[in-house]
Amino acid sequence: MASLLRDEGGMGTHTATRHHPARRHAAPTLRWVFRRGAETLTCEVDATGSRWEVCVVPHWDVAATVIERFKTPISALERHAEIAHALREVGWTLVDRAPVGSPQRPHPQPLAA
């Protein structure tokens, strides 16, 4: 999974952390849940004030959460799309998604084909 995530860079528009710092006023914008075998992870975009975050949360090791920060929503959504594509390429399946304004579901449900 580490190869899917950047460390630092992006022409000053993005930073990444491997720690899960206290996040203030994060408003979920997009949340996708992926599964491969018995493993599940969440990739989401959150609005935090004037910044946007893309968070990848491996459910088997929440401490390994990676948060990438962006200055614009389009940059964050593009990054979410890149990560989602890369996950699918290595065998992950999208099992649940929650767009803006959707209540979060307690358990991932398979998507209808």
N, C-alpha and C. Protein backbone atom coordinates (compact mmCIF):
# COMPACT_ATOMS: atom_id res chain seq x y z
N MET A 1 0.82 -1.19 0.00
CA MET A 1 0.00 0.00 0.00
C MET A 1 0.86 1.25 0.00
N ALA A 2 2.02 1.18 0.60
CA ALA A 2 2.88 2.36 0.67
C ALA A 2 3.22 2.90 -0.71
N SER A 3 3.32 2.03 -1.72
CA SER A 3 3.67 2.49 -3.06
C SER A 3 2.55 3.32 -3.69
N LEU A 4 1.34 3.22 -3.16
CA LEU A 4 0.23 4.00 -3.68
C LEU A 4 0.23 5.43 -3.17
N LEU A 5 0.98 5.67 -2.10
CA LEU A 5 0.91 6.95 -1.41
C LEU A 5 2.21 7.72 -1.55
N ARG A 6 2.09 8.99 -1.73
CA ARG A 6 3.25 9.87 -1.86
C ARG A 6 3.79 10.21 -0.48
N ASP A 7 5.04 10.64 -0.44
CA ASP A 7 5.58 11.14 0.83
C ASP A 7 5.39 12.64 0.90
N GLU A 8 6.15 13.40 0.17
CA GLU A 8 6.04 14.85 0.14
C GLU A 8 6.14 15.29 -1.30
N GLY A 9 5.57 16.42 -1.64
CA GLY A 9 5.76 16.92 -3.00
C GLY A 9 4.50 17.56 -3.54
N GLY A 10 4.42 17.65 -4.87
CA GLY A 10 3.23 18.17 -5.51
C GLY A 10 3.27 19.68 -5.71
N MET A 11 4.42 20.26 -5.98
CA MET A 11 4.56 21.67 -6.30
C MET A 11 3.93 22.56 -5.24
N GLY A 12 4.08 22.19 -3.98
CA GLY A 12 3.62 23.04 -2.90
C GLY A 12 2.12 23.01 -2.65
N THR A 13 1.41 22.11 -3.33
CA THR A 13 -0.04 22.07 -3.16
C THR A 13 -0.48 20.94 -2.25
N HIS A 14 0.45 20.13 -1.80
CA HIS A 14 0.04 18.95 -1.07
C HIS A 14 1.13 18.49 -0.11
N THR A 15 0.72 18.00 1.04
CA THR A 15 1.65 17.39 1.98
C THR A 15 1.03 16.10 2.50
N ALA A 16 1.87 15.21 2.98
CA ALA A 16 1.37 13.93 3.50
C ALA A 16 1.96 13.67 4.87
N THR A 17 1.17 13.02 5.70
CA THR A 17 1.68 12.58 7.00
C THR A 17 1.29 11.14 7.21
N ARG A 18 2.09 10.42 7.94
CA ARG A 18 1.77 9.03 8.25
C ARG A 18 1.20 8.94 9.66
N HIS A 19 1.12 10.04 10.33
CA HIS A 19 0.55 10.07 11.68
C HIS A 19 -0.91 10.48 11.57
N HIS A 20 -1.65 10.20 12.59
CA HIS A 20 -3.06 10.57 12.59
C HIS A 20 -3.25 11.71 13.60
N PRO A 21 -2.84 12.95 13.22
CA PRO A 21 -2.96 14.06 14.17
C PRO A 21 -4.42 14.38 14.44
N ALA A 22 -4.65 15.10 15.51
CA ALA A 22 -6.01 15.54 15.81
C ALA A 22 -6.52 16.36 14.63
N ARG A 23 -7.66 15.98 14.12
CA ARG A 23 -8.23 16.66 12.96
C ARG A 23 -9.40 17.49 13.43
N ARG A 24 -9.34 18.78 13.19
CA ARG A 24 -10.39 19.67 13.64
C ARG A 24 -11.40 19.92 12.53
N HIS A 25 -12.66 19.81 12.84
CA HIS A 25 -13.75 20.20 11.96
C HIS A 25 -13.68 19.53 10.59
N ALA A 26 -13.29 18.27 10.54
CA ALA A 26 -13.27 17.55 9.26
C ALA A 26 -14.69 17.22 8.85
N ALA A 27 -15.06 17.63 7.65
CA ALA A 27 -16.38 17.34 7.11
C ALA A 27 -16.22 16.36 5.95
N PRO A 28 -16.71 15.13 6.10
CA PRO A 28 -16.55 14.15 5.02
C PRO A 28 -17.24 14.63 3.75
N THR A 29 -16.55 14.50 2.64
CA THR A 29 -17.08 14.87 1.34
C THR A 29 -17.33 13.63 0.49
N LEU A 30 -16.42 12.68 0.58
CA LEU A 30 -16.49 11.45 -0.22
C LEU A 30 -15.80 10.35 0.56
N ARG A 31 -16.45 9.18 0.66
CA ARG A 31 -15.86 8.06 1.39
C ARG A 31 -16.10 6.79 0.61
N TRP A 32 -15.02 6.12 0.22
CA TRP A 32 -15.11 4.84 -0.47
C TRP A 32 -14.43 3.79 0.38
N VAL A 33 -15.05 2.62 0.46
CA VAL A 33 -14.50 1.49 1.22
C VAL A 33 -14.14 0.39 0.23
N PHE A 34 -12.91 -0.10 0.35
CA PHE A 34 -12.39 -1.15 -0.53
C PHE A 34 -12.12 -2.41 0.28
N ARG A 35 -12.22 -3.56 -0.39
CA ARG A 35 -11.90 -4.83 0.26
C ARG A 35 -11.09 -5.69 -0.70
N ARG A 36 -10.11 -6.38 -0.11
CA ARG A 36 -9.33 -7.39 -0.84
C ARG A 36 -9.11 -8.53 0.14
N GLY A 37 -9.70 -9.68 -0.15
CA GLY A 37 -9.63 -10.80 0.79
C GLY A 37 -10.31 -10.40 2.09
N ALA A 38 -9.61 -10.59 3.19
CA ALA A 38 -10.17 -10.25 4.51
C ALA A 38 -9.83 -8.82 4.94
N GLU A 39 -9.09 -8.09 4.10
CA GLU A 39 -8.66 -6.74 4.47
C GLU A 39 -9.60 -5.69 3.89
N THR A 40 -9.82 -4.63 4.68
CA THR A 40 -10.68 -3.53 4.28
C THR A 40 -9.94 -2.23 4.54
N LEU A 41 -10.11 -1.27 3.62
CA LEU A 41 -9.56 0.06 3.86
C LEU A 41 -10.52 1.11 3.35
N THR A 42 -10.41 2.30 3.90
CA THR A 42 -11.24 3.42 3.50
C THR A 42 -10.36 4.50 2.88
N CYS A 43 -10.83 5.07 1.78
CA CYS A 43 -10.18 6.22 1.16
C CYS A 43 -11.24 7.30 1.10
N GLU A 44 -10.96 8.44 1.77
CA GLU A 44 -11.96 9.49 1.83
C GLU A 44 -11.36 10.86 1.61
N VAL A 45 -12.23 11.78 1.21
CA VAL A 45 -11.87 13.18 1.05
C VAL A 45 -12.66 13.95 2.10
N ASP A 46 -11.94 14.77 2.88
CA ASP A 46 -12.55 15.57 3.93
C ASP A 46 -12.20 17.04 3.74
N ALA A 47 -13.15 17.92 4.04
CA ALA A 47 -12.90 19.35 4.06
C ALA A 47 -12.56 19.74 5.49
N THR A 48 -11.44 20.44 5.67
CA THR A 48 -11.02 20.89 7.00
C THR A 48 -10.70 22.38 6.89
N GLY A 49 -11.69 23.20 7.08
CA GLY A 49 -11.48 24.63 6.93
C GLY A 49 -11.20 24.97 5.49
N SER A 50 -10.05 25.59 5.23
CA SER A 50 -9.69 25.98 3.86
C SER A 50 -8.83 24.93 3.17
N ARG A 51 -8.61 23.80 3.82
CA ARG A 51 -7.80 22.73 3.23
C ARG A 51 -8.65 21.49 3.00
N TRP A 52 -8.13 20.62 2.18
CA TRP A 52 -8.79 19.36 1.85
C TRP A 52 -7.84 18.22 2.17
N GLU A 53 -8.36 17.14 2.69
CA GLU A 53 -7.54 15.99 3.05
C GLU A 53 -8.03 14.74 2.34
N VAL A 54 -7.07 13.94 1.88
CA VAL A 54 -7.35 12.60 1.38
C VAL A 54 -6.76 11.67 2.42
N CYS A 55 -7.62 10.84 2.99
CA CYS A 55 -7.20 9.94 4.07
C CYS A 55 -7.35 8.50 3.59
N VAL A 56 -6.31 7.72 3.80
CA VAL A 56 -6.36 6.28 3.52
C VAL A 56 -6.20 5.58 4.85
N VAL A 57 -7.24 4.84 5.24
CA VAL A 57 -7.28 4.20 6.55
C VAL A 57 -7.35 2.69 6.39
N PRO A 58 -6.25 1.98 6.66
CA PRO A 58 -6.32 0.51 6.65
C PRO A 58 -7.01 0.05 7.93
N HIS A 59 -8.12 -0.63 7.80
CA HIS A 59 -8.91 -1.02 8.98
C HIS A 59 -8.16 -1.98 9.89
N TRP A 60 -7.21 -2.74 9.35
CA TRP A 60 -6.45 -3.69 10.16
C TRP A 60 -5.34 -3.02 10.95
N ASP A 61 -5.02 -1.74 10.63
CA ASP A 61 -3.97 -1.01 11.34
C ASP A 61 -4.24 0.49 11.23
N VAL A 62 -5.20 0.96 11.99
CA VAL A 62 -5.62 2.37 11.91
C VAL A 62 -4.46 3.32 12.19
N ALA A 63 -3.49 2.88 12.98
CA ALA A 63 -2.32 3.73 13.26
C ALA A 63 -1.49 4.00 12.00
N ALA A 64 -1.68 3.21 10.96
CA ALA A 64 -0.95 3.40 9.70
C ALA A 64 -1.68 4.33 8.74
N THR A 65 -2.70 5.01 9.22
CA THR A 65 -3.46 5.96 8.40
C THR A 65 -2.52 6.98 7.77
N VAL A 66 -2.77 7.27 6.50
CA VAL A 66 -2.01 8.29 5.79
C VAL A 66 -2.97 9.41 5.41
N ILE A 67 -2.58 10.65 5.71
CA ILE A 67 -3.38 11.82 5.38
C ILE A 67 -2.57 12.72 4.47
N GLU A 68 -3.12 13.00 3.29
CA GLU A 68 -2.49 13.93 2.36
C GLU A 68 -3.35 15.19 2.34
N ARG A 69 -2.71 16.34 2.45
CA ARG A 69 -3.43 17.62 2.50
C ARG A 69 -3.25 18.40 1.20
N PHE A 70 -4.34 19.03 0.77
CA PHE A 70 -4.36 19.78 -0.49
C PHE A 70 -4.98 21.14 -0.27
N LYS A 71 -4.63 22.08 -1.13
CA LYS A 71 -5.17 23.43 -1.03
C LYS A 71 -6.48 23.60 -1.79
N THR A 72 -6.75 22.72 -2.76
CA THR A 72 -7.98 22.86 -3.55
C THR A 72 -8.77 21.55 -3.54
N PRO A 73 -10.09 21.64 -3.64
CA PRO A 73 -10.89 20.43 -3.67
C PRO A 73 -10.63 19.59 -4.91
N ILE A 74 -10.39 20.21 -6.05
CA ILE A 74 -10.14 19.43 -7.27
C ILE A 74 -8.86 18.60 -7.13
N SER A 75 -7.83 19.16 -6.51
CA SER A 75 -6.60 18.40 -6.30
C SER A 75 -6.85 17.19 -5.41
N ALA A 76 -7.63 17.37 -4.36
CA ALA A 76 -7.93 16.27 -3.45
C ALA A 76 -8.77 15.20 -4.16
N LEU A 77 -9.75 15.62 -4.94
CA LEU A 77 -10.59 14.64 -5.66
C LEU A 77 -9.81 13.90 -6.73
N GLU A 78 -8.90 14.61 -7.40
CA GLU A 78 -8.04 13.94 -8.39
C GLU A 78 -7.16 12.90 -7.72
N ARG A 79 -6.62 13.23 -6.55
CA ARG A 79 -5.77 12.29 -5.82
C ARG A 79 -6.58 11.08 -5.36
N HIS A 80 -7.80 11.32 -4.88
CA HIS A 80 -8.68 10.21 -4.50
C HIS A 80 -8.89 9.27 -5.69
N ALA A 81 -9.13 9.84 -6.87
CA ALA A 81 -9.33 9.04 -8.07
C ALA A 81 -8.08 8.24 -8.42
N GLU A 82 -6.90 8.85 -8.28
CA GLU A 82 -5.63 8.13 -8.54
C GLU A 82 -5.48 6.94 -7.60
N ILE A 83 -5.74 7.17 -6.32
CA ILE A 83 -5.60 6.09 -5.33
C ILE A 83 -6.62 4.99 -5.62
N ALA A 84 -7.87 5.36 -5.89
CA ALA A 84 -8.91 4.37 -6.18
C ALA A 84 -8.53 3.53 -7.39
N HIS A 85 -8.03 4.17 -8.43
CA HIS A 85 -7.60 3.44 -9.63
C HIS A 85 -6.47 2.46 -9.30
N ALA A 86 -5.48 2.95 -8.56
CA ALA A 86 -4.34 2.11 -8.20
C ALA A 86 -4.78 0.92 -7.34
N LEU A 87 -5.71 1.14 -6.42
CA LEU A 87 -6.21 0.04 -5.59
C LEU A 87 -6.90 -1.01 -6.44
N ARG A 88 -7.74 -0.58 -7.37
CA ARG A 88 -8.42 -1.54 -8.26
C ARG A 88 -7.42 -2.32 -9.10
N GLU A 89 -6.37 -1.66 -9.54
CA GLU A 89 -5.35 -2.32 -10.38
C GLU A 89 -4.65 -3.46 -9.65
N VAL A 90 -4.57 -3.39 -8.32
CA VAL A 90 -3.88 -4.44 -7.56
C VAL A 90 -4.87 -5.35 -6.82
N GLY A 91 -6.13 -5.35 -7.27
CA GLY A 91 -7.07 -6.34 -6.78
C GLY A 91 -8.06 -5.92 -5.71
N TRP A 92 -8.09 -4.64 -5.33
CA TRP A 92 -9.07 -4.19 -4.35
C TRP A 92 -10.41 -3.96 -5.05
N THR A 93 -11.51 -4.22 -4.33
CA THR A 93 -12.85 -4.05 -4.86
C THR A 93 -13.59 -3.00 -4.05
N LEU A 94 -14.27 -2.09 -4.74
CA LEU A 94 -15.09 -1.08 -4.07
C LEU A 94 -16.33 -1.77 -3.53
N VAL A 95 -16.54 -1.69 -2.21
CA VAL A 95 -17.69 -2.36 -1.59
C VAL A 95 -18.69 -1.39 -0.98
N ASP A 96 -18.33 -0.14 -0.80
CA ASP A 96 -19.25 0.83 -0.23
C ASP A 96 -18.77 2.23 -0.58
N ARG A 97 -19.71 3.15 -0.71
CA ARG A 97 -19.35 4.54 -0.97
C ARG A 97 -20.41 5.44 -0.38
N ALA A 98 -19.98 6.59 0.08
CA ALA A 98 -20.89 7.56 0.67
C ALA A 98 -20.51 8.95 0.16
N PRO A 99 -21.32 9.53 -0.74
CA PRO A 99 -21.03 10.89 -1.23
C PRO A 99 -21.48 11.95 -0.24
N VAL A 100 -21.29 13.20 -0.60
CA VAL A 100 -21.66 14.34 0.24
C VAL A 100 -23.11 14.18 0.71
N GLY A 101 -23.31 14.39 2.00
CA GLY A 101 -24.65 14.38 2.56
C GLY A 101 -25.23 13.01 2.84
N SER A 102 -24.50 11.93 2.52
CA SER A 102 -25.01 10.59 2.78
C SER A 102 -24.67 10.17 4.20
N PRO A 103 -25.57 9.50 4.87
CA PRO A 103 -25.22 8.99 6.19
C PRO A 103 -24.20 7.87 6.03
N GLN A 104 -23.25 7.81 6.94
CA GLN A 104 -22.27 6.74 6.88
C GLN A 104 -22.94 5.44 7.30
N ARG A 105 -22.66 4.38 6.57
CA ARG A 105 -23.25 3.08 6.88
C ARG A 105 -22.35 2.35 7.85
N PRO A 106 -22.91 1.64 8.83
CA PRO A 106 -22.08 0.98 9.83
C PRO A 106 -21.25 -0.17 9.29
N HIS A 107 -21.71 -0.87 8.25
CA HIS A 107 -20.99 -2.00 7.69
C HIS A 107 -20.95 -1.87 6.19
N PRO A 108 -19.78 -2.09 5.55
CA PRO A 108 -19.71 -2.01 4.10
C PRO A 108 -20.65 -3.03 3.45
N GLN A 109 -21.36 -2.60 2.44
CA GLN A 109 -22.25 -3.48 1.69
C GLN A 109 -21.75 -3.59 0.26
N PRO A 110 -21.79 -4.79 -0.34
CA PRO A 110 -21.36 -4.92 -1.74
C PRO A 110 -22.22 -4.04 -2.64
N LEU A 111 -21.57 -3.44 -3.65
CA LEU A 111 -22.29 -2.62 -4.60
C LEU A 111 -22.92 -3.52 -5.65
N ALA A 112 -24.09 -3.16 -6.12
CA ALA A 112 -24.74 -3.91 -7.20
C ALA A 112 -23.98 -3.66 -8.48
N ALA A 113 -23.86 -4.70 -9.29
CA ALA A 113 -23.12 -4.58 -10.55
C ALA A 113 -23.93 -3.85 -11.59
